Amino acid sequence: MDKIHLNEEIGARVRRRREVLGCTREQIAERANISVQFLFDIEKGKKSMTALHIVNLAEALSVSIDFLLLGVEKKDGHRGAEWEQMFSLLVPEQRELAEEMLRLFVRGVSINGKVKKI
């Protein structure tokens, strides 16, 4: 794959993720410590990023570097990456609510340390 197509694919992932989060370019650019114009150029596939830009942008979008660069999560043999991917689609308030719901669910199916069949 050539550099132009790679930049376009990364840019499309950045744009889709930003849209899923419901964020403006201004918000993500501020979080990633880059200019709005640079983020626009990344989303259009016109600019490449340094390693620092990649790390900052992945953090700003709450995704892994693997997802940002390759479109996949790193497989570690555990469900952790899968859960992180699901939670990464949520804004912070939604993530906190989902985590609390999961905690309540686990408490609800557990009685005295034994799992209750549902």
N, C-alpha and C. Protein backbone atom coordinates (compact mmCIF):
# COMPACT_ATOMS: atom_id res chain seq x y z
N MET A 1 0.85 -1.17 0.00
CA MET A 1 0.00 0.00 0.00
C MET A 1 0.89 1.24 0.00
N ASP A 2 0.53 2.20 -0.82
CA ASP A 2 1.36 3.40 -0.88
C ASP A 2 0.95 4.42 0.17
N LYS A 3 1.81 5.39 0.36
CA LYS A 3 1.65 6.40 1.41
C LYS A 3 0.34 7.17 1.26
N ILE A 4 -0.04 7.51 0.04
CA ILE A 4 -1.26 8.29 -0.18
C ILE A 4 -2.49 7.52 0.28
N HIS A 5 -2.58 6.24 -0.11
CA HIS A 5 -3.74 5.46 0.29
C HIS A 5 -3.76 5.20 1.79
N LEU A 6 -2.60 4.99 2.38
CA LEU A 6 -2.52 4.79 3.82
C LEU A 6 -3.01 6.05 4.55
N ASN A 7 -2.55 7.21 4.12
CA ASN A 7 -2.98 8.46 4.73
C ASN A 7 -4.49 8.65 4.59
N GLU A 8 -5.04 8.27 3.44
CA GLU A 8 -6.50 8.40 3.23
C GLU A 8 -7.27 7.46 4.16
N GLU A 9 -6.77 6.24 4.34
CA GLU A 9 -7.45 5.28 5.23
C GLU A 9 -7.39 5.74 6.68
N ILE A 10 -6.23 6.20 7.11
CA ILE A 10 -6.10 6.70 8.47
C ILE A 10 -7.00 7.91 8.66
N GLY A 11 -6.98 8.80 7.70
CA GLY A 11 -7.82 10.00 7.78
C GLY A 11 -9.30 9.68 7.87
N ALA A 12 -9.73 8.68 7.11
CA ALA A 12 -11.14 8.27 7.16
C ALA A 12 -11.49 7.71 8.54
N ARG A 13 -10.57 6.92 9.13
CA ARG A 13 -10.82 6.39 10.48
C ARG A 13 -10.90 7.53 11.51
N VAL A 14 -10.01 8.50 11.38
CA VAL A 14 -10.01 9.65 12.29
C VAL A 14 -11.34 10.39 12.18
N ARG A 15 -11.77 10.68 10.97
CA ARG A 15 -13.02 11.41 10.76
C ARG A 15 -14.23 10.63 11.30
N ARG A 16 -14.30 9.32 10.97
CA ARG A 16 -15.42 8.51 11.46
C ARG A 16 -15.46 8.46 12.98
N ARG A 17 -14.30 8.28 13.59
CA ARG A 17 -14.25 8.20 15.05
C ARG A 17 -14.66 9.53 15.68
N ARG A 18 -14.19 10.62 15.11
CA ARG A 18 -14.55 11.96 15.61
C ARG A 18 -16.06 12.14 15.53
N GLU A 19 -16.64 11.72 14.41
CA GLU A 19 -18.09 11.84 14.23
C GLU A 19 -18.86 10.96 15.21
N VAL A 20 -18.36 9.73 15.44
CA VAL A 20 -19.00 8.84 16.42
C VAL A 20 -19.01 9.48 17.80
N LEU A 21 -17.93 10.15 18.14
CA LEU A 21 -17.83 10.82 19.43
C LEU A 21 -18.70 12.08 19.49
N GLY A 22 -19.13 12.56 18.32
CA GLY A 22 -19.93 13.78 18.28
C GLY A 22 -19.11 15.02 18.55
N CYS A 23 -17.83 14.96 18.20
CA CYS A 23 -16.91 16.08 18.46
C CYS A 23 -16.65 16.88 17.20
N THR A 24 -16.36 18.14 17.39
CA THR A 24 -15.95 18.99 16.28
C THR A 24 -14.45 18.81 16.04
N ARG A 25 -13.99 19.27 14.91
CA ARG A 25 -12.55 19.25 14.65
C ARG A 25 -11.82 20.10 15.67
N GLU A 26 -12.44 21.21 16.05
CA GLU A 26 -11.82 22.10 17.04
C GLU A 26 -11.58 21.37 18.36
N GLN A 27 -12.57 20.59 18.80
CA GLN A 27 -12.44 19.88 20.07
C GLN A 27 -11.33 18.83 20.02
N ILE A 28 -11.30 18.04 18.95
CA ILE A 28 -10.29 16.99 18.84
C ILE A 28 -8.91 17.60 18.64
N ALA A 29 -8.82 18.64 17.83
CA ALA A 29 -7.53 19.30 17.60
C ALA A 29 -6.96 19.83 18.92
N GLU A 30 -7.82 20.42 19.73
CA GLU A 30 -7.36 20.94 21.02
C GLU A 30 -6.87 19.80 21.92
N ARG A 31 -7.62 18.71 21.97
CA ARG A 31 -7.23 17.56 22.80
C ARG A 31 -5.91 16.95 22.33
N ALA A 32 -5.70 16.94 21.01
CA ALA A 32 -4.49 16.32 20.44
C ALA A 32 -3.33 17.30 20.31
N ASN A 33 -3.56 18.55 20.67
CA ASN A 33 -2.53 19.58 20.60
C ASN A 33 -2.01 19.77 19.17
N ILE A 34 -2.96 19.82 18.24
CA ILE A 34 -2.65 20.11 16.83
C ILE A 34 -3.59 21.20 16.34
N SER A 35 -3.29 21.78 15.19
CA SER A 35 -4.16 22.81 14.65
C SER A 35 -5.38 22.18 13.98
N VAL A 36 -6.44 22.94 13.90
CA VAL A 36 -7.65 22.48 13.22
C VAL A 36 -7.34 22.19 11.75
N GLN A 37 -6.54 23.04 11.12
CA GLN A 37 -6.18 22.83 9.71
C GLN A 37 -5.41 21.53 9.53
N PHE A 38 -4.50 21.22 10.45
CA PHE A 38 -3.74 19.99 10.36
C PHE A 38 -4.67 18.79 10.50
N LEU A 39 -5.61 18.85 11.44
CA LEU A 39 -6.58 17.76 11.60
C LEU A 39 -7.42 17.61 10.33
N PHE A 40 -7.85 18.72 9.75
CA PHE A 40 -8.60 18.67 8.50
C PHE A 40 -7.78 17.97 7.42
N ASP A 41 -6.51 18.33 7.30
CA ASP A 41 -5.63 17.72 6.29
C ASP A 41 -5.41 16.23 6.57
N ILE A 42 -5.33 15.84 7.84
CA ILE A 42 -5.20 14.42 8.19
C ILE A 42 -6.45 13.68 7.75
N GLU A 43 -7.62 14.23 8.09
CA GLU A 43 -8.88 13.58 7.73
C GLU A 43 -9.04 13.43 6.22
N LYS A 44 -8.51 14.34 5.47
CA LYS A 44 -8.59 14.28 4.00
C LYS A 44 -7.48 13.42 3.39
N GLY A 45 -6.55 12.94 4.23
CA GLY A 45 -5.46 12.11 3.73
C GLY A 45 -4.35 12.89 3.08
N LYS A 46 -4.30 14.19 3.33
CA LYS A 46 -3.31 15.05 2.70
C LYS A 46 -2.02 15.19 3.49
N LYS A 47 -2.05 14.83 4.78
CA LYS A 47 -0.87 15.01 5.63
C LYS A 47 -0.53 13.71 6.35
N SER A 48 0.75 13.50 6.57
CA SER A 48 1.24 12.40 7.40
C SER A 48 1.46 12.93 8.81
N MET A 49 1.60 12.01 9.76
CA MET A 49 1.79 12.42 11.15
C MET A 49 3.09 11.87 11.70
N THR A 50 3.64 12.58 12.67
CA THR A 50 4.79 12.07 13.42
C THR A 50 4.26 11.08 14.46
N ALA A 51 5.18 10.37 15.09
CA ALA A 51 4.78 9.43 16.14
C ALA A 51 4.06 10.16 17.27
N LEU A 52 4.51 11.35 17.64
CA LEU A 52 3.87 12.12 18.69
C LEU A 52 2.44 12.50 18.30
N HIS A 53 2.25 12.91 17.05
CA HIS A 53 0.90 13.25 16.59
C HIS A 53 -0.01 12.02 16.65
N ILE A 54 0.51 10.88 16.26
CA ILE A 54 -0.29 9.64 16.28
C ILE A 54 -0.72 9.30 17.70
N VAL A 55 0.22 9.36 18.64
CA VAL A 55 -0.09 9.06 20.04
C VAL A 55 -1.13 10.05 20.57
N ASN A 56 -0.91 11.34 20.36
CA ASN A 56 -1.83 12.36 20.86
C ASN A 56 -3.22 12.23 20.24
N LEU A 57 -3.27 11.95 18.95
CA LEU A 57 -4.56 11.83 18.28
C LEU A 57 -5.30 10.57 18.72
N ALA A 58 -4.59 9.47 18.90
CA ALA A 58 -5.22 8.25 19.40
C ALA A 58 -5.81 8.50 20.79
N GLU A 59 -5.07 9.19 21.64
CA GLU A 59 -5.59 9.51 22.98
C GLU A 59 -6.80 10.44 22.89
N ALA A 60 -6.74 11.44 22.03
CA ALA A 60 -7.84 12.39 21.89
C ALA A 60 -9.11 11.70 21.40
N LEU A 61 -8.94 10.67 20.58
CA LEU A 61 -10.09 9.93 20.02
C LEU A 61 -10.46 8.71 20.86
N SER A 62 -9.70 8.44 21.92
CA SER A 62 -9.92 7.28 22.79
C SER A 62 -9.90 5.97 22.01
N VAL A 63 -8.90 5.82 21.16
CA VAL A 63 -8.69 4.58 20.42
C VAL A 63 -7.23 4.17 20.57
N SER A 64 -6.94 2.92 20.23
CA SER A 64 -5.56 2.46 20.28
C SER A 64 -4.81 2.95 19.04
N ILE A 65 -3.51 2.94 19.14
CA ILE A 65 -2.69 3.28 17.99
C ILE A 65 -2.90 2.24 16.89
N ASP A 66 -3.07 0.96 17.28
CA ASP A 66 -3.36 -0.09 16.29
C ASP A 66 -4.60 0.24 15.49
N PHE A 67 -5.64 0.68 16.19
CA PHE A 67 -6.88 1.02 15.48
C PHE A 67 -6.66 2.21 14.57
N LEU A 68 -5.98 3.22 15.07
CA LEU A 68 -5.76 4.42 14.27
C LEU A 68 -4.98 4.11 13.00
N LEU A 69 -3.91 3.34 13.12
CA LEU A 69 -3.05 3.07 11.97
C LEU A 69 -3.54 1.93 11.09
N LEU A 70 -4.08 0.88 11.71
CA LEU A 70 -4.41 -0.33 10.97
C LEU A 70 -5.90 -0.64 10.87
N GLY A 71 -6.68 0.02 11.69
CA GLY A 71 -8.12 -0.23 11.68
C GLY A 71 -8.53 -1.45 12.49
N VAL A 72 -7.60 -2.02 13.26
CA VAL A 72 -7.89 -3.20 14.08
C VAL A 72 -7.32 -2.98 15.46
N GLU A 73 -7.91 -3.67 16.41
CA GLU A 73 -7.36 -3.65 17.76
C GLU A 73 -6.35 -4.76 17.89
N LYS A 74 -5.37 -4.54 18.71
CA LYS A 74 -4.36 -5.56 18.99
C LYS A 74 -5.02 -6.73 19.70
N LYS A 75 -4.79 -7.92 19.21
CA LYS A 75 -5.36 -9.11 19.82
C LYS A 75 -4.40 -9.64 20.86
N ASP A 76 -4.88 -9.73 22.09
CA ASP A 76 -4.02 -10.20 23.17
C ASP A 76 -4.50 -11.51 23.77
N GLY A 77 -5.48 -12.15 23.11
CA GLY A 77 -5.98 -13.41 23.62
C GLY A 77 -7.01 -13.24 24.72
N HIS A 78 -7.31 -12.01 25.09
CA HIS A 78 -8.28 -11.75 26.13
C HIS A 78 -9.40 -10.89 25.55
N ARG A 79 -10.46 -10.78 26.28
CA ARG A 79 -11.58 -9.94 25.85
C ARG A 79 -11.34 -8.47 26.16
N GLY A 80 -10.24 -8.15 26.82
CA GLY A 80 -9.97 -6.76 27.20
C GLY A 80 -9.98 -5.81 26.03
N ALA A 81 -9.35 -6.19 24.94
CA ALA A 81 -9.30 -5.32 23.76
C ALA A 81 -10.69 -5.14 23.17
N GLU A 82 -11.47 -6.21 23.17
CA GLU A 82 -12.83 -6.14 22.64
C GLU A 82 -13.69 -5.19 23.49
N TRP A 83 -13.57 -5.32 24.82
CA TRP A 83 -14.33 -4.44 25.71
C TRP A 83 -13.85 -3.00 25.55
N GLU A 84 -12.55 -2.81 25.46
CA GLU A 84 -12.02 -1.46 25.30
C GLU A 84 -12.51 -0.83 24.01
N GLN A 85 -12.60 -1.62 22.95
CA GLN A 85 -13.10 -1.11 21.67
C GLN A 85 -14.55 -0.66 21.82
N MET A 86 -15.36 -1.47 22.49
CA MET A 86 -16.76 -1.08 22.69
C MET A 86 -16.86 0.19 23.52
N PHE A 87 -16.12 0.24 24.62
CA PHE A 87 -16.17 1.41 25.48
C PHE A 87 -15.58 2.64 24.79
N SER A 88 -14.65 2.45 23.88
CA SER A 88 -14.03 3.59 23.21
C SER A 88 -15.00 4.33 22.30
N LEU A 89 -16.11 3.70 21.95
CA LEU A 89 -17.11 4.34 21.11
C LEU A 89 -17.97 5.33 21.89
N LEU A 90 -17.82 5.32 23.20
CA LEU A 90 -18.65 6.15 24.06
C LEU A 90 -17.91 7.41 24.50
N VAL A 91 -18.68 8.47 24.70
CA VAL A 91 -18.10 9.68 25.29
C VAL A 91 -17.92 9.40 26.78
N PRO A 92 -17.09 10.17 27.49
CA PRO A 92 -16.79 9.86 28.89
C PRO A 92 -18.02 9.64 29.78
N GLU A 93 -19.05 10.46 29.64
CA GLU A 93 -20.24 10.31 30.47
C GLU A 93 -20.93 8.98 30.19
N GLN A 94 -21.02 8.59 28.92
CA GLN A 94 -21.63 7.32 28.55
C GLN A 94 -20.80 6.15 29.06
N ARG A 95 -19.48 6.29 28.98
CA ARG A 95 -18.59 5.23 29.45
C ARG A 95 -18.77 5.00 30.94
N GLU A 96 -18.83 6.08 31.72
CA GLU A 96 -19.03 5.95 33.16
C GLU A 96 -20.36 5.26 33.46
N LEU A 97 -21.41 5.62 32.74
CA LEU A 97 -22.72 5.00 32.94
C LEU A 97 -22.68 3.52 32.58
N ALA A 98 -22.05 3.18 31.46
CA ALA A 98 -21.95 1.78 31.04
C ALA A 98 -21.15 0.96 32.05
N GLU A 99 -20.08 1.51 32.57
CA GLU A 99 -19.28 0.81 33.57
C GLU A 99 -20.08 0.58 34.85
N GLU A 100 -20.85 1.59 35.26
CA GLU A 100 -21.67 1.44 36.45
C GLU A 100 -22.77 0.40 36.23
N MET A 101 -23.37 0.39 35.05
CA MET A 101 -24.40 -0.61 34.74
C MET A 101 -23.81 -2.02 34.78
N LEU A 102 -22.61 -2.18 34.26
CA LEU A 102 -21.95 -3.48 34.28
C LEU A 102 -21.64 -3.92 35.71
N ARG A 103 -21.17 -2.98 36.53
CA ARG A 103 -20.91 -3.30 37.94
C ARG A 103 -22.20 -3.75 38.63
N LEU A 104 -23.30 -3.04 38.40
CA LEU A 104 -24.58 -3.41 39.01
C LEU A 104 -25.06 -4.77 38.51
N PHE A 105 -24.86 -5.04 37.23
CA PHE A 105 -25.25 -6.33 36.68
C PHE A 105 -24.48 -7.47 37.34
N VAL A 106 -23.17 -7.29 37.45
CA VAL A 106 -22.34 -8.33 38.06
C VAL A 106 -22.76 -8.56 39.51
N ARG A 107 -23.02 -7.49 40.24
CA ARG A 107 -23.50 -7.63 41.62
C ARG A 107 -24.84 -8.36 41.66
N GLY A 108 -25.70 -8.08 40.69
CA GLY A 108 -27.03 -8.67 40.66
C GLY A 108 -27.04 -10.16 40.36
N VAL A 109 -26.07 -10.66 39.62
CA VAL A 109 -26.04 -12.09 39.29
C VAL A 109 -25.18 -12.87 40.26
N SER A 110 -24.61 -12.19 41.21
CA SER A 110 -23.74 -12.86 42.18
C SER A 110 -24.38 -12.80 43.57
N ILE A 111 -24.55 -13.95 44.18
CA ILE A 111 -25.08 -14.02 45.54
C ILE A 111 -24.08 -14.77 46.40
N ASN A 112 -23.59 -14.09 47.42
CA ASN A 112 -22.60 -14.69 48.33
C ASN A 112 -21.43 -15.33 47.59
N GLY A 113 -20.97 -14.68 46.55
CA GLY A 113 -19.83 -15.19 45.82
C GLY A 113 -20.16 -16.27 44.81
N LYS A 114 -21.41 -16.71 44.76
CA LYS A 114 -21.81 -17.73 43.79
C LYS A 114 -22.60 -17.07 42.68
N VAL A 115 -22.33 -17.50 41.47
CA VAL A 115 -23.02 -16.92 40.33
C VAL A 115 -24.43 -17.48 40.27
N LYS A 116 -25.38 -16.59 40.22
CA LYS A 116 -26.79 -16.96 40.13
C LYS A 116 -27.15 -17.19 38.67
N LYS A 117 -27.78 -18.29 38.35
CA LYS A 117 -28.18 -18.56 36.98
C LYS A 117 -29.36 -17.67 36.63
N ILE A 118 -29.30 -17.12 35.43
CA ILE A 118 -30.35 -16.22 34.98
C ILE A 118 -31.25 -16.93 33.99
